[in-house]
Amino acid sequence: MFDATVVAYQETFDLTQSQYRAGLSSDEAVAQAEAQLKAAQAQDTNLEILRAQYEHAIAVLIGQRHRRFLFRCKLFSR
């Protein structure tokens, strides 16, 4: 779900580092890109944990084993 965002922030971080090494960007820009990347990674992990908790809760409510009950993820686009 959120994985595409993490990939985009990783690419931005890599690009910002390259620009810094070439003298085209500041160390502050690198720090900001790194902070955004780490925040996105943490949020991605939290969303995965939350999803697993919801799946487990729903499985318990409908009387199915958690391993047999998984949401199918459908990506929405505008």
PDB file of N, CA and C in Angstrom:
ATOM      1  N   MET A   1       0.824  -1.187   0.000  1.00  0.00           N
ATOM      2  CA  MET A   1       0.000   0.000   0.000  1.00  0.00           C
ATOM      3  C   MET A   1       0.869   1.251   0.000  1.00  0.00           C
ATOM      4  N   PHE A   2       1.578   1.429   1.068  1.00  0.00           N
ATOM      5  CA  PHE A   2       2.384   2.629   1.263  1.00  0.00           C
ATOM      6  C   PHE A   2       3.786   2.442   0.679  1.00  0.00           C
ATOM      7  N   ASP A   3       4.048   1.251   0.170  1.00  0.00           N
ATOM      8  CA  ASP A   3       5.384   0.912  -0.319  1.00  0.00           C
ATOM      9  C   ASP A   3       5.850   1.823  -1.446  1.00  0.00           C
ATOM     10  N   ALA A   4       4.945   2.240  -2.319  1.00  0.00           N
ATOM     11  CA  ALA A   4       5.316   3.120  -3.430  1.00  0.00           C
ATOM     12  C   ALA A   4       5.815   4.464  -2.910  1.00  0.00           C
ATOM     13  N   THR A   5       5.236   4.926  -1.833  1.00  0.00           N
ATOM     14  CA  THR A   5       5.680   6.184  -1.233  1.00  0.00           C
ATOM     15  C   THR A   5       7.087   6.044  -0.671  1.00  0.00           C
ATOM     16  N   VAL A   6       7.344   4.917  -0.003  1.00  0.00           N
ATOM     17  CA  VAL A   6       8.684   4.674   0.545  1.00  0.00           C
ATOM     18  C   VAL A   6       9.708   4.619  -0.586  1.00  0.00           C
ATOM     19  N   VAL A   7       9.369   3.957  -1.673  1.00  0.00           N
ATOM     20  CA  VAL A   7      10.275   3.885  -2.823  1.00  0.00           C
ATOM     21  C   VAL A   7      10.541   5.280  -3.380  1.00  0.00           C
ATOM     22  N   ALA A   8       9.510   6.091  -3.491  1.00  0.00           N
ATOM     23  CA  ALA A   8       9.672   7.450  -4.012  1.00  0.00           C
ATOM     24  C   ALA A   8      10.575   8.283  -3.103  1.00  0.00           C
ATOM     25  N   TYR A   9      10.383   8.169  -1.781  1.00  0.00           N
ATOM     26  CA  TYR A   9      11.237   8.905  -0.848  1.00  0.00           C
ATOM     27  C   TYR A   9      12.674   8.394  -0.884  1.00  0.00           C
ATOM     28  N   GLN A  10      12.854   7.097  -1.089  1.00  0.00           N
ATOM     29  CA  GLN A  10      14.215   6.543  -1.207  1.00  0.00           C
ATOM     30  C   GLN A  10      14.901   7.125  -2.439  1.00  0.00           C
ATOM     31  N   GLU A  11      14.171   7.185  -3.544  1.00  0.00           N
ATOM     32  CA  GLU A  11      14.739   7.751  -4.772  1.00  0.00           C
ATOM     33  C   GLU A  11      15.067   9.232  -4.590  1.00  0.00           C
ATOM     34  N   THR A  12      14.200   9.955  -3.900  1.00  0.00           N
ATOM     35  CA  THR A  12      14.456  11.369  -3.629  1.00  0.00           C
ATOM     36  C   THR A  12      15.689  11.540  -2.753  1.00  0.00           C
ATOM     37  N   PHE A  13      15.805  10.694  -1.735  1.00  0.00           N
ATOM     38  CA  PHE A  13      16.967  10.748  -0.855  1.00  0.00           C
ATOM     39  C   PHE A  13      18.251  10.470  -1.630  1.00  0.00           C
ATOM     40  N   ASP A  14      18.226   9.436  -2.472  1.00  0.00           N
ATOM     41  CA  ASP A  14      19.406   9.092  -3.274  1.00  0.00           C
ATOM     42  C   ASP A  14      19.785  10.236  -4.210  1.00  0.00           C
ATOM     43  N   LEU A  15      18.794  10.833  -4.838  1.00  0.00           N
ATOM     44  CA  LEU A  15      19.041  11.960  -5.738  1.00  0.00           C
ATOM     45  C   LEU A  15      19.617  13.157  -4.980  1.00  0.00           C
ATOM     46  N   THR A  16      19.066  13.434  -3.819  1.00  0.00           N
ATOM     47  CA  THR A  16      19.543  14.563  -3.010  1.00  0.00           C
ATOM     48  C   THR A  16      20.983  14.341  -2.565  1.00  0.00           C
ATOM     49  N   GLN A  17      21.305  13.101  -2.205  1.00  0.00           N
ATOM     50  CA  GLN A  17      22.687  12.795  -1.836  1.00  0.00           C
ATOM     51  C   GLN A  17      23.625  13.001  -3.025  1.00  0.00           C
ATOM     52  N   SER A  18      23.209  12.575  -4.188  1.00  0.00           N
ATOM     53  CA  SER A  18      24.026  12.751  -5.394  1.00  0.00           C
ATOM     54  C   SER A  18      24.235  14.232  -5.690  1.00  0.00           C
ATOM     55  N   GLN A  19      23.177  15.000  -5.535  1.00  0.00           N
ATOM     56  CA  GLN A  19      23.284  16.444  -5.758  1.00  0.00           C
ATOM     57  C   GLN A  19      24.224  17.087  -4.744  1.00  0.00           C
ATOM     58  N   TYR A  20      24.168  16.610  -3.503  1.00  0.00           N
ATOM     59  CA  TYR A  20      25.053  17.138  -2.467  1.00  0.00           C
ATOM     60  C   TYR A  20      26.515  16.842  -2.795  1.00  0.00           C
ATOM     61  N   ARG A  21      26.777  15.609  -3.212  1.00  0.00           N
ATOM     62  CA  ARG A  21      28.149  15.235  -3.566  1.00  0.00           C
ATOM     63  C   ARG A  21      28.665  16.039  -4.763  1.00  0.00           C
ATOM     64  N   ALA A  22      27.758  16.449  -5.630  1.00  0.00           N
ATOM     65  CA  ALA A  22      28.145  17.246  -6.802  1.00  0.00           C
ATOM     66  C   ALA A  22      28.180  18.736  -6.494  1.00  0.00           C
ATOM     67  N   GLY A  23      27.832  19.097  -5.259  1.00  0.00           N
ATOM     68  CA  GLY A  23      27.850  20.497  -4.871  1.00  0.00           C
ATOM     69  C   GLY A  23      26.607  21.272  -5.278  1.00  0.00           C
ATOM     70  N   LEU A  24      25.534  20.550  -5.608  1.00  0.00           N
ATOM     71  CA  LEU A  24      24.319  21.207  -6.076  1.00  0.00           C
ATOM     72  C   LEU A  24      23.222  21.277  -5.023  1.00  0.00           C
ATOM     73  N   SER A  25      23.474  20.700  -3.853  1.00  0.00           N
ATOM     74  CA  SER A  25      22.477  20.671  -2.796  1.00  0.00           C
ATOM     75  C   SER A  25      23.168  20.842  -1.449  1.00  0.00           C
ATOM     76  N   SER A  26      22.402  21.216  -0.452  1.00  0.00           N
ATOM     77  CA  SER A  26      22.973  21.447   0.877  1.00  0.00           C
ATOM     78  C   SER A  26      22.842  20.212   1.752  1.00  0.00           C
ATOM     79  N   ASP A  27      23.615  20.188   2.821  1.00  0.00           N
ATOM     80  CA  ASP A  27      23.500  19.083   3.772  1.00  0.00           C
ATOM     81  C   ASP A  27      22.151  19.111   4.478  1.00  0.00           C
ATOM     82  N   GLU A  28      21.547  20.290   4.563  1.00  0.00           N
ATOM     83  CA  GLU A  28      20.215  20.405   5.159  1.00  0.00           C
ATOM     84  C   GLU A  28      19.175  19.694   4.296  1.00  0.00           C
ATOM     85  N   ALA A  29      19.319  19.802   2.979  1.00  0.00           N
ATOM     86  CA  ALA A  29      18.396  19.123   2.067  1.00  0.00           C
ATOM     87  C   ALA A  29      18.545  17.613   2.197  1.00  0.00           C
ATOM     88  N   VAL A  30      19.771  17.144   2.366  1.00  0.00           N
ATOM     89  CA  VAL A  30      20.007  15.710   2.552  1.00  0.00           C
ATOM     90  C   VAL A  30      19.365  15.249   3.861  1.00  0.00           C
ATOM     91  N   ALA A  31      19.538  16.023   4.918  1.00  0.00           N
ATOM     92  CA  ALA A  31      18.959  15.669   6.211  1.00  0.00           C
ATOM     93  C   ALA A  31      17.435  15.644   6.136  1.00  0.00           C
ATOM     94  N   GLN A  32      16.858  16.601   5.437  1.00  0.00           N
ATOM     95  CA  GLN A  32      15.405  16.633   5.303  1.00  0.00           C
ATOM     96  C   GLN A  32      14.900  15.427   4.502  1.00  0.00           C
ATOM     97  N   ALA A  33      15.579  15.094   3.411  1.00  0.00           N
ATOM     98  CA  ALA A  33      15.185  13.940   2.603  1.00  0.00           C
ATOM     99  C   ALA A  33      15.310  12.651   3.414  1.00  0.00           C
ATOM    100  N   GLU A  34      16.358  12.555   4.218  1.00  0.00           N
ATOM    101  CA  GLU A  34      16.537  11.366   5.047  1.00  0.00           C
ATOM    102  C   GLU A  34      15.439  11.267   6.106  1.00  0.00           C
ATOM    103  N   ALA A  35      15.086  12.396   6.711  1.00  0.00           N
ATOM    104  CA  ALA A  35      14.029  12.404   7.724  1.00  0.00           C
ATOM    105  C   ALA A  35      12.690  11.991   7.110  1.00  0.00           C
ATOM    106  N   GLN A  36      12.397  12.486   5.909  1.00  0.00           N
ATOM    107  CA  GLN A  36      11.151  12.099   5.238  1.00  0.00           C
ATOM    108  C   GLN A  36      11.138  10.608   4.930  1.00  0.00           C
ATOM    109  N   LEU A  37      12.266  10.085   4.484  1.00  0.00           N
ATOM    110  CA  LEU A  37      12.364   8.664   4.174  1.00  0.00           C
ATOM    111  C   LEU A  37      12.138   7.824   5.425  1.00  0.00           C
ATOM    112  N   LYS A  38      12.803   8.160   6.506  1.00  0.00           N
ATOM    113  CA  LYS A  38      12.667   7.380   7.741  1.00  0.00           C
ATOM    114  C   LYS A  38      11.245   7.455   8.297  1.00  0.00           C
ATOM    115  N   ALA A  39      10.614   8.625   8.188  1.00  0.00           N
ATOM    116  CA  ALA A  39       9.225   8.765   8.645  1.00  0.00           C
ATOM    117  C   ALA A  39       8.289   7.903   7.805  1.00  0.00           C
ATOM    118  N   ALA A  40       8.503   7.873   6.506  1.00  0.00           N
ATOM    119  CA  ALA A  40       7.670   7.053   5.624  1.00  0.00           C
ATOM    120  C   ALA A  40       7.879   5.572   5.909  1.00  0.00           C
ATOM    121  N   GLN A  41       9.115   5.164   6.153  1.00  0.00           N
ATOM    122  CA  GLN A  41       9.397   3.762   6.485  1.00  0.00           C
ATOM    123  C   GLN A  41       8.701   3.363   7.782  1.00  0.00           C
ATOM    124  N   ALA A  42       8.751   4.245   8.779  1.00  0.00           N
ATOM    125  CA  ALA A  42       8.102   3.962  10.059  1.00  0.00           C
ATOM    126  C   ALA A  42       6.590   3.876   9.890  1.00  0.00           C
ATOM    127  N   GLN A  43       6.018   4.787   9.115  1.00  0.00           N
ATOM    128  CA  GLN A  43       4.581   4.773   8.892  1.00  0.00           C
ATOM    129  C   GLN A  43       4.158   3.522   8.126  1.00  0.00           C
ATOM    130  N   ASP A  44       4.971   3.092   7.177  1.00  0.00           N
ATOM    131  CA  ASP A  44       4.686   1.875   6.420  1.00  0.00           C
ATOM    132  C   ASP A  44       4.642   0.668   7.359  1.00  0.00           C
ATOM    133  N   THR A  45       5.602   0.582   8.239  1.00  0.00           N
ATOM    134  CA  THR A  45       5.634  -0.511   9.216  1.00  0.00           C
ATOM    135  C   THR A  45       4.410  -0.463  10.119  1.00  0.00           C
ATOM    136  N   ASN A  46       4.076   0.732  10.600  1.00  0.00           N
ATOM    137  CA  ASN A  46       2.911   0.872  11.474  1.00  0.00           C
ATOM    138  C   ASN A  46       1.625   0.476  10.767  1.00  0.00           C
ATOM    139  N   LEU A  47       1.490   0.833   9.492  1.00  0.00           N
ATOM    140  CA  LEU A  47       0.297   0.465   8.736  1.00  0.00           C
ATOM    141  C   LEU A  47       0.195  -1.048   8.549  1.00  0.00           C
ATOM    142  N   GLU A  48       1.323  -1.705   8.314  1.00  0.00           N
ATOM    143  CA  GLU A  48       1.313  -3.162   8.171  1.00  0.00           C
ATOM    144  C   GLU A  48       0.879  -3.833   9.475  1.00  0.00           C
ATOM    145  N   ILE A  49       1.364  -3.332  10.595  1.00  0.00           N
ATOM    146  CA  ILE A  49       0.986  -3.882  11.898  1.00  0.00           C
ATOM    147  C   ILE A  49      -0.494  -3.656  12.158  1.00  0.00           C
ATOM    148  N   LEU A  50      -0.965  -2.455  11.889  1.00  0.00           N
ATOM    149  CA  LEU A  50      -2.372  -2.125  12.102  1.00  0.00           C
ATOM    150  C   LEU A  50      -3.278  -2.993  11.236  1.00  0.00           C
ATOM    151  N   ARG A  51      -2.897  -3.175   9.985  1.00  0.00           N
ATOM    152  CA  ARG A  51      -3.683  -4.027   9.088  1.00  0.00           C
ATOM    153  C   ARG A  51      -3.768  -5.446   9.631  1.00  0.00           C
ATOM    154  N   ALA A  52      -2.645  -5.993  10.088  1.00  0.00           N
ATOM    155  CA  ALA A  52      -2.645  -7.352  10.645  1.00  0.00           C
ATOM    156  C   ALA A  52      -3.554  -7.440  11.867  1.00  0.00           C
ATOM    157  N   GLN A  53      -3.543  -6.410  12.702  1.00  0.00           N
ATOM    158  CA  GLN A  53      -4.403  -6.404  13.887  1.00  0.00           C
ATOM    159  C   GLN A  53      -5.878  -6.382  13.493  1.00  0.00           C
ATOM    160  N   TYR A  54      -6.225  -5.575  12.504  1.00  0.00           N
ATOM    161  CA  TYR A  54      -7.614  -5.517  12.042  1.00  0.00           C
ATOM    162  C   TYR A  54      -8.045  -6.838  11.405  1.00  0.00           C
ATOM    163  N   GLU A  55      -7.169  -7.428  10.611  1.00  0.00           N
ATOM    164  CA  GLU A  55      -7.487  -8.717  10.010  1.00  0.00           C
ATOM    165  C   GLU A  55      -7.749  -9.759  11.086  1.00  0.00           C
ATOM    166  N   HIS A  56      -6.913  -9.772  12.103  1.00  0.00           N
ATOM    167  CA  HIS A  56      -7.079 -10.730  13.191  1.00  0.00           C
ATOM    168  C   HIS A  56      -8.404 -10.494  13.917  1.00  0.00           C
ATOM    169  N   ALA A  57      -8.714  -9.235  14.217  1.00  0.00           N
ATOM    170  CA  ALA A  57      -9.945  -8.909  14.935  1.00  0.00           C
ATOM    171  C   ALA A  57     -11.181  -9.321  14.131  1.00  0.00           C
ATOM    172  N   ILE A  58     -11.176  -9.061  12.832  1.00  0.00           N
ATOM    173  CA  ILE A  58     -12.314  -9.432  11.992  1.00  0.00           C
ATOM    174  C   ILE A  58     -12.437 -10.945  11.899  1.00  0.00           C
ATOM    175  N   ALA A  59     -11.305 -11.623  11.767  1.00  0.00           N
ATOM    176  CA  ALA A  59     -11.330 -13.086  11.701  1.00  0.00           C
ATOM    177  C   ALA A  59     -11.938 -13.668  12.973  1.00  0.00           C
ATOM    178  N   VAL A  60     -11.577 -13.114  14.124  1.00  0.00           N
ATOM    179  CA  VAL A  60     -12.130 -13.593  15.393  1.00  0.00           C
ATOM    180  C   VAL A  60     -13.634 -13.339  15.427  1.00  0.00           C
ATOM    181  N   LEU A  61     -14.059 -12.178  14.988  1.00  0.00           N
ATOM    182  CA  LEU A  61     -15.483 -11.829  15.023  1.00  0.00           C
ATOM    183  C   LEU A  61     -16.332 -12.724  14.117  1.00  0.00           C
ATOM    184  N   ILE A  62     -15.779 -13.163  12.995  1.00  0.00           N
ATOM    185  CA  ILE A  62     -16.560 -13.997  12.082  1.00  0.00           C
ATOM    186  C   ILE A  62     -16.259 -15.484  12.254  1.00  0.00           C
ATOM    187  N   GLY A  63     -15.416 -15.802  13.228  1.00  0.00           N
ATOM    188  CA  GLY A  63     -15.170 -17.201  13.573  1.00  0.00           C
ATOM    189  C   GLY A  63     -14.250 -17.939  12.621  1.00  0.00           C
ATOM    190  N   GLN A  64     -13.361 -17.237  11.953  1.00  0.00           N
ATOM    191  CA  GLN A  64     -12.391 -17.890  11.073  1.00  0.00           C
ATOM    192  C   GLN A  64     -10.995 -17.753  11.655  1.00  0.00           C
ATOM    193  N   ARG A  65     -10.143 -18.670  11.218  1.00  0.00           N
ATOM    194  CA  ARG A  65      -8.753 -18.568  11.639  1.00  0.00           C
ATOM    195  C   ARG A  65      -8.104 -17.408  10.896  1.00  0.00           C
ATOM    196  N   HIS A  66      -7.239 -16.710  11.578  1.00  0.00           N
ATOM    197  CA  HIS A  66      -6.608 -15.519  11.002  1.00  0.00           C
ATOM    198  C   HIS A  66      -5.846 -15.831   9.727  1.00  0.00           C
ATOM    199  N   ARG A  67      -5.139 -16.942   9.695  1.00  0.00           N
ATOM    200  CA  ARG A  67      -4.329 -17.286   8.519  1.00  0.00           C
ATOM    201  C   ARG A  67      -5.190 -17.533   7.281  1.00  0.00           C
ATOM    202  N   ARG A  68      -6.437 -17.879   7.494  1.00  0.00           N
ATOM    203  CA  ARG A  68      -7.316 -18.152   6.356  1.00  0.00           C
ATOM    204  C   ARG A  68      -8.074 -16.897   5.933  1.00  0.00           C
ATOM    205  N   PHE A  69      -8.006 -15.868   6.734  1.00  0.00           N
ATOM    206  CA  PHE A  69      -8.758 -14.641   6.458  1.00  0.00           C
ATOM    207  C   PHE A  69      -7.781 -13.495   6.231  1.00  0.00           C
ATOM    208  N   LEU A  70      -7.642 -13.068   5.012  1.00  0.00           N
ATOM    209  CA  LEU A  70      -6.756 -11.947   4.686  1.00  0.00           C
ATOM    210  C   LEU A  70      -7.482 -11.014   3.730  1.00  0.00           C
ATOM    211  N   PHE A  71      -7.333  -9.722   3.964  1.00  0.00           N
ATOM    212  CA  PHE A  71      -7.906  -8.738   3.052  1.00  0.00           C
ATOM    213  C   PHE A  71      -7.128  -8.752   1.746  1.00  0.00           C
ATOM    214  N   ARG A  72      -7.804  -8.615   0.689  1.00  0.00           N
ATOM    215  CA  ARG A  72      -7.145  -8.406  -0.592  1.00  0.00           C
ATOM    216  C   ARG A  72      -6.945  -6.914  -0.758  1.00  0.00           C
ATOM    217  N   CYS A  73      -5.755  -6.528  -1.121  1.00  0.00           N
ATOM    218  CA  CYS A  73      -5.432  -5.112  -1.257  1.00  0.00           C
ATOM    219  C   CYS A  73      -5.695  -4.689  -2.695  1.00  0.00           C
ATOM    220  N   LYS A  74      -6.492  -3.642  -2.855  1.00  0.00           N
ATOM    221  CA  LYS A  74      -6.766  -3.094  -4.174  1.00  0.00           C
ATOM    222  C   LYS A  74      -6.316  -1.641  -4.161  1.00  0.00           C
ATOM    223  N   LEU A  75      -5.444  -1.320  -5.076  1.00  0.00           N
ATOM    224  CA  LEU A  75      -4.937   0.047  -5.154  1.00  0.00           C
ATOM    225  C   LEU A  75      -5.933   0.921  -5.903  1.00  0.00           C
ATOM    226  N   PHE A  76      -6.158   2.088  -5.382  1.00  0.00           N
ATOM    227  CA  PHE A  76      -7.079   3.027  -6.000  1.00  0.00           C
ATOM    228  C   PHE A  76      -6.278   4.105  -6.723  1.00  0.00           C
ATOM    229  N   SER A  77      -6.738   4.478  -7.861  1.00  0.00           N
ATOM    230  CA  SER A  77      -6.086   5.565  -8.597  1.00  0.00           C
ATOM    231  C   SER A  77      -7.124   6.593  -8.975  1.00  0.00           C
ATOM    232  N   ARG A  78      -6.672   7.796  -9.137  1.00  0.00           N
ATOM    233  CA  ARG A  78      -7.611   8.884  -9.471  1.00  0.00           C
ATOM    234  C   ARG A  78      -7.788   9.007 -10.938  1.00  0.00           C
TER     235      ARG A  78
END
